[in-house]
Structures are given as C-alpha cells and as structure tokens.
PDB file of N, CA and C in Angstrom:
ATOM      1  N   UNK A   1      12.494  23.161 -11.657  1.00  0.00           N
ATOM      2  CA  UNK A   1      12.584  21.992 -11.049  1.00  0.00           C
ATOM      3  C   UNK A   1      11.414  21.661 -10.156  1.00  0.00           C
ATOM      4  N   UNK A   2      10.761  20.651 -10.381  1.00  0.00           N
ATOM      5  CA  UNK A   2       9.500  20.265  -9.906  1.00  0.00           C
ATOM      6  C   UNK A   2       9.745  19.299  -8.582  1.00  0.00           C
ATOM      7  N   UNK A   3       9.353  19.662  -7.391  1.00  0.00           N
ATOM      8  CA  UNK A   3       9.762  18.680  -6.402  1.00  0.00           C
ATOM      9  C   UNK A   3       8.251  18.250  -5.642  1.00  0.00           C
ATOM     10  N   UNK A   4       8.263  16.776  -5.864  1.00  0.00           N
ATOM     11  CA  UNK A   4       6.988  16.345  -5.175  1.00  0.00           C
ATOM     12  C   UNK A   4       7.062  16.217  -3.956  1.00  0.00           C
ATOM     13  N   UNK A   5       5.872  16.556  -3.233  1.00  0.00           N
ATOM     14  CA  UNK A   5       5.899  16.442  -1.799  1.00  0.00           C
ATOM     15  C   UNK A   5       5.080  15.489  -1.524  1.00  0.00           C
ATOM     16  N   UNK A   6       5.077  14.914  -0.089  1.00  0.00           N
ATOM     17  CA  UNK A   6       3.982  13.849   0.293  1.00  0.00           C
ATOM     18  C   UNK A   6       4.129  12.509  -0.707  1.00  0.00           C
ATOM     19  N   UNK A   7       5.456  11.989  -1.166  1.00  0.00           N
ATOM     20  CA  UNK A   7       5.535  10.587  -1.680  1.00  0.00           C
ATOM     21  C   UNK A   7       6.403  10.121  -0.826  1.00  0.00           C
ATOM     22  N   UNK A   8       6.193   8.630  -0.888  1.00  0.00           N
ATOM     23  CA  UNK A   8       7.072   7.616  -0.065  1.00  0.00           C
ATOM     24  C   UNK A   8       8.257   7.229  -0.805  1.00  0.00           C
ATOM     25  N   UNK A   9       9.210   6.773  -0.352  1.00  0.00           N
ATOM     26  CA  UNK A   9      10.573   6.198  -0.804  1.00  0.00           C
ATOM     27  C   UNK A   9      10.534   5.355  -1.978  1.00  0.00           C
ATOM     28  N   UNK A  10      10.941   5.422  -3.027  1.00  0.00           N
ATOM     29  CA  UNK A  10      10.991   4.631  -4.016  1.00  0.00           C
ATOM     30  C   UNK A  10      11.135   3.062  -3.620  1.00  0.00           C
ATOM     31  N   UNK A  11      11.988   2.651  -2.820  1.00  0.00           N
ATOM     32  CA  UNK A  11      12.173   1.343  -2.569  1.00  0.00           C
ATOM     33  C   UNK A  11      10.792   0.793  -1.818  1.00  0.00           C
ATOM     34  N   UNK A  12      10.187   1.855  -1.016  1.00  0.00           N
ATOM     35  CA  UNK A  12       8.853   1.255  -0.385  1.00  0.00           C
ATOM     36  C   UNK A  12       7.811   1.045  -1.317  1.00  0.00           C
ATOM     37  N   UNK A  13       7.838   1.976  -2.191  1.00  0.00           N
ATOM     38  CA  UNK A  13       6.858   1.975  -3.428  1.00  0.00           C
ATOM     39  C   UNK A  13       6.936   0.664  -4.140  1.00  0.00           C
ATOM     40  N   UNK A  14       8.100   0.319  -4.425  1.00  0.00           N
ATOM     41  CA  UNK A  14       8.298  -1.013  -5.143  1.00  0.00           C
ATOM     42  C   UNK A  14       7.776  -2.076  -4.457  1.00  0.00           C
ATOM     43  N   UNK A  15       7.818  -2.266  -3.136  1.00  0.00           N
ATOM     44  CA  UNK A  15       7.092  -3.304  -2.312  1.00  0.00           C
ATOM     45  C   UNK A  15       5.516  -3.271  -2.711  1.00  0.00           C
ATOM     46  N   UNK A  16       5.039  -2.245  -2.802  1.00  0.00           N
ATOM     47  CA  UNK A  16       3.533  -2.007  -2.966  1.00  0.00           C
ATOM     48  C   UNK A  16       3.521  -2.503  -4.411  1.00  0.00           C
ATOM     49  N   UNK A  17       4.031  -2.094  -5.483  1.00  0.00           N
ATOM     50  CA  UNK A  17       3.879  -2.529  -6.544  1.00  0.00           C
ATOM     51  C   UNK A  17       4.044  -4.193  -6.900  1.00  0.00           C
ATOM     52  N   UNK A  18       4.869  -4.575  -5.933  1.00  0.00           N
ATOM     53  CA  UNK A  18       5.021  -6.184  -6.086  1.00  0.00           C
ATOM     54  C   UNK A  18       3.757  -6.877  -5.653  1.00  0.00           C
ATOM     55  N   UNK A  19       3.466  -6.271  -4.404  1.00  0.00           N
ATOM     56  CA  UNK A  19       2.031  -6.852  -3.863  1.00  0.00           C
ATOM     57  C   UNK A  19       0.873  -6.653  -4.776  1.00  0.00           C
ATOM     58  N   UNK A  20       0.953  -5.560  -5.577  1.00  0.00           N
ATOM     59  CA  UNK A  20      -0.228  -5.496  -6.418  1.00  0.00           C
ATOM     60  C   UNK A  20      -0.046  -6.552  -7.633  1.00  0.00           C
ATOM     61  N   UNK A  21       1.049  -6.540  -8.141  1.00  0.00           N
ATOM     62  CA  UNK A  21       1.303  -7.634  -9.194  1.00  0.00           C
ATOM     63  C   UNK A  21       1.152  -9.023  -9.011  1.00  0.00           C
ATOM     64  N   UNK A  22       1.249  -9.339  -7.785  1.00  0.00           N
ATOM     65  CA  UNK A  22       1.125 -10.678  -7.385  1.00  0.00           C
ATOM     66  C   UNK A  22      -0.211 -10.923  -6.697  1.00  0.00           C
ATOM     67  N   UNK A  23      -0.979  -9.781  -6.332  1.00  0.00           N
ATOM     68  CA  UNK A  23      -2.426  -9.704  -5.810  1.00  0.00           C
ATOM     69  C   UNK A  23      -2.135 -10.465  -4.295  1.00  0.00           C
ATOM     70  N   UNK A  24      -1.230  -9.909  -3.490  1.00  0.00           N
ATOM     71  CA  UNK A  24      -0.992 -10.387  -2.183  1.00  0.00           C
ATOM     72  C   UNK A  24      -1.942 -10.004  -1.202  1.00  0.00           C
ATOM     73  N   UNK A  25      -2.450 -10.786  -0.446  1.00  0.00           N
ATOM     74  CA  UNK A  25      -3.251 -10.597   0.800  1.00  0.00           C
ATOM     75  C   UNK A  25      -2.588  -9.668   1.685  1.00  0.00           C
ATOM     76  N   UNK A  26      -2.943  -8.486   2.036  1.00  0.00           N
ATOM     77  CA  UNK A  26      -2.184  -7.853   2.989  1.00  0.00           C
ATOM     78  C   UNK A  26      -3.050  -7.335   4.299  1.00  0.00           C
ATOM     79  N   UNK A  27      -2.188  -7.130   5.241  1.00  0.00           N
ATOM     80  CA  UNK A  27      -2.612  -6.445   6.570  1.00  0.00           C
ATOM     81  C   UNK A  27      -1.988  -5.243   6.569  1.00  0.00           C
ATOM     82  N   UNK A  28      -2.756  -3.794   6.532  1.00  0.00           N
ATOM     83  CA  UNK A  28      -2.306  -2.494   6.531  1.00  0.00           C
ATOM     84  C   UNK A  28      -2.496  -1.977   7.871  1.00  0.00           C
ATOM     85  N   UNK A  29      -1.314  -1.452   8.564  1.00  0.00           N
ATOM     86  CA  UNK A  29      -1.465  -0.628   9.836  1.00  0.00           C
ATOM     87  C   UNK A  29      -1.152   0.785   9.369  1.00  0.00           C
ATOM     88  N   UNK A  30      -1.980   1.465   9.847  1.00  0.00           N
ATOM     89  CA  UNK A  30      -1.989   2.923   9.507  1.00  0.00           C
ATOM     90  C   UNK A  30      -1.315   3.586  10.504  1.00  0.00           C
ATOM     91  N   UNK A  31      -0.928   4.932  10.289  1.00  0.00           N
ATOM     92  CA  UNK A  31      -0.231   5.645  11.257  1.00  0.00           C
ATOM     93  C   UNK A  31      -1.135   5.833  12.460  1.00  0.00           C
ATOM     94  N   UNK A  32      -2.440   5.975  12.145  1.00  0.00           N
ATOM     95  CA  UNK A  32      -3.413   6.217  13.467  1.00  0.00           C
ATOM     96  C   UNK A  32      -3.812   5.115  14.134  1.00  0.00           C
ATOM     97  N   UNK A  33      -2.996   3.957  13.807  1.00  0.00           N
ATOM     98  CA  UNK A  33      -3.026   2.799  14.468  1.00  0.00           C
ATOM     99  C   UNK A  33      -4.256   1.956  13.960  1.00  0.00           C
ATOM    100  N   UNK A  34      -5.223   2.548  13.108  1.00  0.00           N
ATOM    101  CA  UNK A  34      -6.250   1.714  12.409  1.00  0.00           C
ATOM    102  C   UNK A  34      -5.407   0.427  11.528  1.00  0.00           C
ATOM    103  N   UNK A  35      -6.200  -0.647  11.492  1.00  0.00           N
ATOM    104  CA  UNK A  35      -5.836  -1.974  10.700  1.00  0.00           C
ATOM    105  C   UNK A  35      -6.878  -2.342   9.739  1.00  0.00           C
ATOM    106  N   UNK A  36      -6.435  -2.692   8.539  1.00  0.00           N
ATOM    107  CA  UNK A  36      -7.523  -3.228   7.606  1.00  0.00           C
ATOM    108  C   UNK A  36      -6.559  -4.394   6.785  1.00  0.00           C
ATOM    109  N   UNK A  37      -7.478  -5.210   6.241  1.00  0.00           N
ATOM    110  CA  UNK A  37      -6.933  -6.080   5.324  1.00  0.00           C
ATOM    111  C   UNK A  37      -7.614  -6.191   4.089  1.00  0.00           C
ATOM    112  N   UNK A  38      -6.797  -6.649   3.034  1.00  0.00           N
ATOM    113  CA  UNK A  38      -7.337  -6.750   1.572  1.00  0.00           C
ATOM    114  C   UNK A  38      -6.471  -7.285   0.752  1.00  0.00           C
ATOM    115  N   UNK A  39      -6.862  -7.716  -0.424  1.00  0.00           N
ATOM    116  CA  UNK A  39      -6.080  -8.108  -1.409  1.00  0.00           C
ATOM    117  C   UNK A  39      -5.541  -6.708  -2.092  1.00  0.00           C
ATOM    118  N   UNK A  40      -4.102  -6.778  -2.418  1.00  0.00           N
ATOM    119  CA  UNK A  40      -3.522  -5.570  -3.136  1.00  0.00           C
ATOM    120  C   UNK A  40      -3.992  -5.741  -4.479  1.00  0.00           C
ATOM    121  N   UNK A  41      -4.466  -4.755  -5.164  1.00  0.00           N
ATOM    122  CA  UNK A  41      -5.037  -4.591  -6.415  1.00  0.00           C
ATOM    123  C   UNK A  41      -4.306  -3.598  -7.242  1.00  0.00           C
ATOM    124  N   UNK A  42      -4.110  -2.355  -6.923  1.00  0.00           N
ATOM    125  CA  UNK A  42      -3.441  -1.447  -7.761  1.00  0.00           C
ATOM    126  C   UNK A  42      -3.066  -0.192  -6.929  1.00  0.00           C
ATOM    127  N   UNK A  43      -2.293   0.688  -7.607  1.00  0.00           N
ATOM    128  CA  UNK A  43      -2.092   2.174  -7.284  1.00  0.00           C
ATOM    129  C   UNK A  43      -2.580   2.925  -8.037  1.00  0.00           C
ATOM    130  N   UNK A  44      -3.468   3.925  -7.591  1.00  0.00           N
ATOM    131  CA  UNK A  44      -4.023   4.880  -8.461  1.00  0.00           C
ATOM    132  C   UNK A  44      -3.618   6.409  -7.889  1.00  0.00           C
ATOM    133  N   UNK A  45      -3.949   7.269  -8.653  1.00  0.00           N
ATOM    134  CA  UNK A  45      -3.606   8.823  -8.320  1.00  0.00           C
ATOM    135  C   UNK A  45      -4.908   9.508  -8.068  1.00  0.00           C
ATOM    136  N   UNK A  46      -5.188  10.300  -6.928  1.00  0.00           N
ATOM    137  CA  UNK A  46      -6.128  10.982  -6.682  1.00  0.00           C
ATOM    138  C   UNK A  46      -6.325  12.229  -7.513  1.00  0.00           C
ATOM    139  N   UNK A  47      -7.382  12.673  -7.637  1.00  0.00           N
ATOM    140  CA  UNK A  47      -7.428  14.024  -8.244  1.00  0.00           C
ATOM    141  C   UNK A  47      -6.606  15.324  -7.693  1.00  0.00           C
ATOM    142  N   UNK A  48      -6.076  15.196  -6.489  1.00  0.00           N
ATOM    143  CA  UNK A  48      -5.101  16.038  -5.792  1.00  0.00           C
ATOM    144  C   UNK A  48      -3.751  15.480  -5.882  1.00  0.00           C
ATOM    145  N   UNK A  49      -3.596  14.547  -6.648  1.00  0.00           N
ATOM    146  CA  UNK A  49      -2.099  13.743  -6.873  1.00  0.00           C
ATOM    147  C   UNK A  49      -1.656  12.992  -5.816  1.00  0.00           C
ATOM    148  N   UNK A  50      -2.551  12.582  -4.835  1.00  0.00           N
ATOM    149  CA  UNK A  50      -1.963  11.775  -3.713  1.00  0.00           C
ATOM    150  C   UNK A  50      -2.072  10.294  -4.389  1.00  0.00           C
ATOM    151  N   UNK A  51      -0.993   9.465  -3.946  1.00  0.00           N
ATOM    152  CA  UNK A  51      -1.067   7.893  -4.643  1.00  0.00           C
ATOM    153  C   UNK A  51      -1.791   7.217  -3.513  1.00  0.00           C
ATOM    154  N   UNK A  52      -2.703   6.383  -4.070  1.00  0.00           N
ATOM    155  CA  UNK A  52      -3.433   5.369  -3.286  1.00  0.00           C
ATOM    156  C   UNK A  52      -3.441   4.128  -3.691  1.00  0.00           C
ATOM    157  N   UNK A  53      -3.420   3.248  -2.488  1.00  0.00           N
ATOM    158  CA  UNK A  53      -3.312   1.972  -2.738  1.00  0.00           C
ATOM    159  C   UNK A  53      -4.843   1.427  -2.540  1.00  0.00           C
ATOM    160  N   UNK A  54      -5.081   0.510  -3.703  1.00  0.00           N
ATOM    161  CA  UNK A  54      -6.492  -0.051  -4.019  1.00  0.00           C
ATOM    162  C   UNK A  54      -6.353  -1.231  -3.418  1.00  0.00           C
ATOM    163  N   UNK A  55      -7.204  -1.771  -2.327  1.00  0.00           N
ATOM    164  CA  UNK A  55      -7.260  -3.063  -1.568  1.00  0.00           C
ATOM    165  C   UNK A  55      -8.690  -3.625  -1.832  1.00  0.00           C
ATOM    166  N   UNK A  56      -8.906  -4.941  -2.057  1.00  0.00           N
ATOM    167  CA  UNK A  56      -9.974  -5.808  -2.018  1.00  0.00           C
ATOM    168  C   UNK A  56     -10.293  -6.395  -0.848  1.00  0.00           C
ATOM    169  N   UNK A  57     -11.201  -6.041   0.040  1.00  0.00           N
ATOM    170  CA  UNK A  57     -11.435  -7.027   1.416  1.00  0.00           C
ATOM    171  C   UNK A  57     -12.836  -7.177   1.224  1.00  0.00           C
ATOM    172  N   UNK A  58     -13.601  -7.346  -0.033  1.00  0.00           N
ATOM    173  CA  UNK A  58     -14.911  -7.486  -0.040  1.00  0.00           C
ATOM    174  C   UNK A  58     -15.459  -6.345  -0.628  1.00  0.00           C
ATOM    175  N   UNK A  59     -14.914  -5.313  -0.575  1.00  0.00           N
ATOM    176  CA  UNK A  59     -15.196  -3.912  -1.306  1.00  0.00           C
ATOM    177  C   UNK A  59     -13.878  -3.192  -1.578  1.00  0.00           C
ATOM    178  N   UNK A  60     -13.830  -2.516  -2.456  1.00  0.00           N
ATOM    179  CA  UNK A  60     -12.487  -1.935  -3.024  1.00  0.00           C
ATOM    180  C   UNK A  60     -12.602  -0.528  -2.005  1.00  0.00           C
ATOM    181  N   UNK A  61     -11.325  -0.513  -1.334  1.00  0.00           N
ATOM    182  CA  UNK A  61     -10.759   0.543  -0.452  1.00  0.00           C
ATOM    183  C   UNK A  61      -9.794   1.059  -1.235  1.00  0.00           C
ATOM    184  N   UNK A  62      -9.682   2.472  -1.002  1.00  0.00           N
ATOM    185  CA  UNK A  62      -8.435   3.153  -1.341  1.00  0.00           C
ATOM    186  C   UNK A  62      -7.816   3.771  -0.159  1.00  0.00           C
ATOM    187  N   UNK A  63      -6.438   3.571  -0.109  1.00  0.00           N
ATOM    188  CA  UNK A  63      -5.640   4.020   1.127  1.00  0.00           C
ATOM    189  C   UNK A  63      -4.642   4.805   0.725  1.00  0.00           C
ATOM    190  N   UNK A  64      -4.432   6.146   1.146  1.00  0.00           N
ATOM    191  CA  UNK A  64      -3.565   6.999   0.867  1.00  0.00           C
ATOM    192  C   UNK A  64      -2.025   6.583   1.277  1.00  0.00           C
ATOM    193  N   UNK A  65      -1.087   6.224   0.476  1.00  0.00           N
ATOM    194  CA  UNK A  65       0.192   5.711   0.734  1.00  0.00           C
ATOM    195  C   UNK A  65       0.918   6.512   2.052  1.00  0.00           C
ATOM    196  N   UNK A  66       0.743   7.793   2.054  1.00  0.00           N
ATOM    197  CA  UNK A  66       1.339   8.614   3.305  1.00  0.00           C
ATOM    198  C   UNK A  66       0.688   8.389   4.630  1.00  0.00           C
ATOM    199  N   UNK A  67      -0.426   7.522   4.509  1.00  0.00           N
ATOM    200  CA  UNK A  67      -1.146   7.155   5.944  1.00  0.00           C
ATOM    201  C   UNK A  67      -0.447   5.746   6.496  1.00  0.00           C
ATOM    202  N   UNK A  68       0.236   4.845   5.502  1.00  0.00           N
ATOM    203  CA  UNK A  68       0.878   3.685   6.137  1.00  0.00           C
ATOM    204  C   UNK A  68       1.996   3.909   6.948  1.00  0.00           C
ATOM    205  N   UNK A  69       1.870   2.744   8.056  1.00  0.00           N
ATOM    206  CA  UNK A  69       2.808   2.744   9.095  1.00  0.00           C
ATOM    207  C   UNK A  69       3.519   1.237   8.675  1.00  0.00           C
ATOM    208  N   UNK A  70       2.779   0.531   8.364  1.00  0.00           N
ATOM    209  CA  UNK A  70       3.412  -1.114   8.184  1.00  0.00           C
ATOM    210  C   UNK A  70       2.523  -1.913   7.205  1.00  0.00           C
ATOM    211  N   UNK A  71       3.149  -2.601   6.427  1.00  0.00           N
ATOM    212  CA  UNK A  71       2.282  -3.471   5.631  1.00  0.00           C
ATOM    213  C   UNK A  71       2.982  -5.095   5.926  1.00  0.00           C
ATOM    214  N   UNK A  72       1.780  -5.941   6.279  1.00  0.00           N
ATOM    215  CA  UNK A  72       2.203  -7.261   6.600  1.00  0.00           C
ATOM    216  C   UNK A  72       1.601  -8.048   5.440  1.00  0.00           C
ATOM    217  N   UNK A  73       2.331  -9.027   4.920  1.00  0.00           N
ATOM    218  CA  UNK A  73       1.890  -9.872   3.950  1.00  0.00           C
ATOM    219  C   UNK A  73       1.408 -11.033   4.380  1.00  0.00           C
ATOM    220  N   UNK A  74       0.109 -11.410   4.246  1.00  0.00           N
ATOM    221  CA  UNK A  74      -0.612 -12.766   4.867  1.00  0.00           C
ATOM    222  C   UNK A  74      -0.558 -13.870   3.776  1.00  0.00           C
ATOM    223  N   UNK A  75      -0.100 -13.465   2.454  1.00  0.00           N
ATOM    224  CA  UNK A  75       0.201 -14.463   1.209  1.00  0.00           C
ATOM    225  C   UNK A  75       1.405 -15.569   1.726  1.00  0.00           C
ATOM    226  N   UNK A  76       0.993 -16.961   1.731  1.00  0.00           N
ATOM    227  CA  UNK A  76       2.096 -17.626   2.134  1.00  0.00           C
ATOM    228  C   UNK A  76       3.337 -17.582   1.086  1.00  0.00           C
ATOM    229  N   UNK A  77       4.455 -17.817   1.418  1.00  0.00           N
ATOM    230  CA  UNK A  77       5.746 -17.827   0.275  1.00  0.00           C
ATOM    231  C   UNK A  77       5.738 -16.569  -0.442  1.00  0.00           C
ATOM    232  N   UNK A  78       5.193 -15.369  -0.049  1.00  0.00           N
ATOM    233  CA  UNK A  78       5.424 -14.183  -0.682  1.00  0.00           C
ATOM    234  C   UNK A  78       7.072 -13.809  -0.735  1.00  0.00           C
ATOM    235  N   UNK A  79       7.275 -12.922  -1.555  1.00  0.00           N
ATOM    236  CA  UNK A  79       8.585 -12.362  -1.795  1.00  0.00           C
ATOM    237  C   UNK A  79       9.512 -11.735  -0.618  1.00  0.00           C
ATOM    238  N   UNK A  80       8.260 -11.057   0.169  1.00  0.00           N
ATOM    239  CA  UNK A  80       8.463 -10.499   1.355  1.00  0.00           C
ATOM    240  C   UNK A  80       7.576 -10.562   2.312  1.00  0.00           C
ATOM    241  N   UNK A  81       7.486 -10.101   3.635  1.00  0.00           N
ATOM    242  CA  UNK A  81       6.424 -10.616   4.629  1.00  0.00           C
ATOM    243  C   UNK A  81       6.165  -9.085   5.329  1.00  0.00           C
ATOM    244  N   UNK A  82       7.006  -8.339   5.400  1.00  0.00           N
ATOM    245  CA  UNK A  82       6.891  -6.900   5.981  1.00  0.00           C
ATOM    246  C   UNK A  82       7.528  -5.684   5.489  1.00  0.00           C
ATOM    247  N   UNK A  83       6.706  -4.553   5.645  1.00  0.00           N
ATOM    248  CA  UNK A  83       7.334  -3.291   5.292  1.00  0.00           C
ATOM    249  C   UNK A  83       7.005  -2.323   6.312  1.00  0.00           C
ATOM    250  N   UNK A  84       7.868  -1.797   6.828  1.00  0.00           N
ATOM    251  CA  UNK A  84       7.829  -0.564   7.680  1.00  0.00           C
ATOM    252  C   UNK A  84       8.120   0.679   7.171  1.00  0.00           C
ATOM    253  N   UNK A  85       7.156   1.796   7.068  1.00  0.00           N
ATOM    254  CA  UNK A  85       7.197   2.877   6.445  1.00  0.00           C
ATOM    255  C   UNK A  85       7.844   3.739   7.409  1.00  0.00           C
TER     256      UNK A  85
END
C-alpha cells in the first residue's frame, strides 16, 4: 500500500479545483503569514511530487498547497468565499 504524505484533505483540494475552473481571483495567506493575490490558474505537480497552485498576479507563481493557511476569494458571487486549512 502506498501512503501519500504531505497532501491536503480532499474537500480542501476540491475548493482549489473550483477556484481554478472558474478563474477566481484569490488572496492566499500562507502559514508563515505571507500574503499574495492572483487569479487561480491550475494545480501542477513538482518533480518531487508536491502539489502546487499556479496563480497569475501579473506573473505566474507556484504555491505549495502544504503552505496554505487560508484562501479568500475576491471574485464577486463566487461559489465560496473562504477556505481555512
């Protein structure tokens, strides 16, 4: 049996997938207190199998899902407004 380490819960992953699907504008709060904003673009996997959220805030940035503390959706009338990890 293969056990994946360092993955977020499925229901939290679903929120990120919805944000990417609809191109929501997000404010990300990281566990270290850093904040960044950008449009959710995609989820990719790094060479060392970490899952990364790609956001576009003028340039594409990749954010390790394990570093997320909170996502706030800035897009009006979104399907959800906030996710706490």
